[in-house]
């Protein structure tokens, strides 16, 4: 027996509505996989940073969600170095505890890094435009490539102190926004 066209459409719409209400959104699915309970009240629900859809972002513990603004070209690599709260090691290769490199995407590149434990950290980034994996410099050691530091401190005649760049990472993570300087 053949079903009338209006009944077929009604059944199809009902099935679609049922699917739409039972399939969780990507953020909800990610939260469930990590054992994070989503509450009905948005003021009490855990916050998962919206808008960072990058392979490096998994929503895990101690995750630092980084947004870098001010990229003029989608060429080369964006390099980020993570430092502890250590004045002697800040901005030095020996003081770096982690480094990541991802493709640069103008006007904003976003990705994530993780720390071993909650605490105070600082990040330095640079846009490696020629992808030679080196922070190129001009005469007198001045940067030849765009760079930035967490908290966007004012830079006058030398590098900022680690205190100016520190941010706190909790078990829920941290959000860091850095503006590149040329």
Foldseek 3Di string as FASTA:
>chain_A
DDDDPVVVVVVVVVVVVVVVVPDDDPVVVLCVVQVQDADPDPVPGQDDDPDADDPQDSQAFQKEKEKEAADPDQAAKKKKFKFALDQVLPPHPVRTPDMDIDGRDPRMDIHMDGDPAWDKMKMKMWGPRVHPPDQDADPPRHTPTWMWIWQRDDDDPDDDTVVNGIDTQHRSHYYTYIYIDD
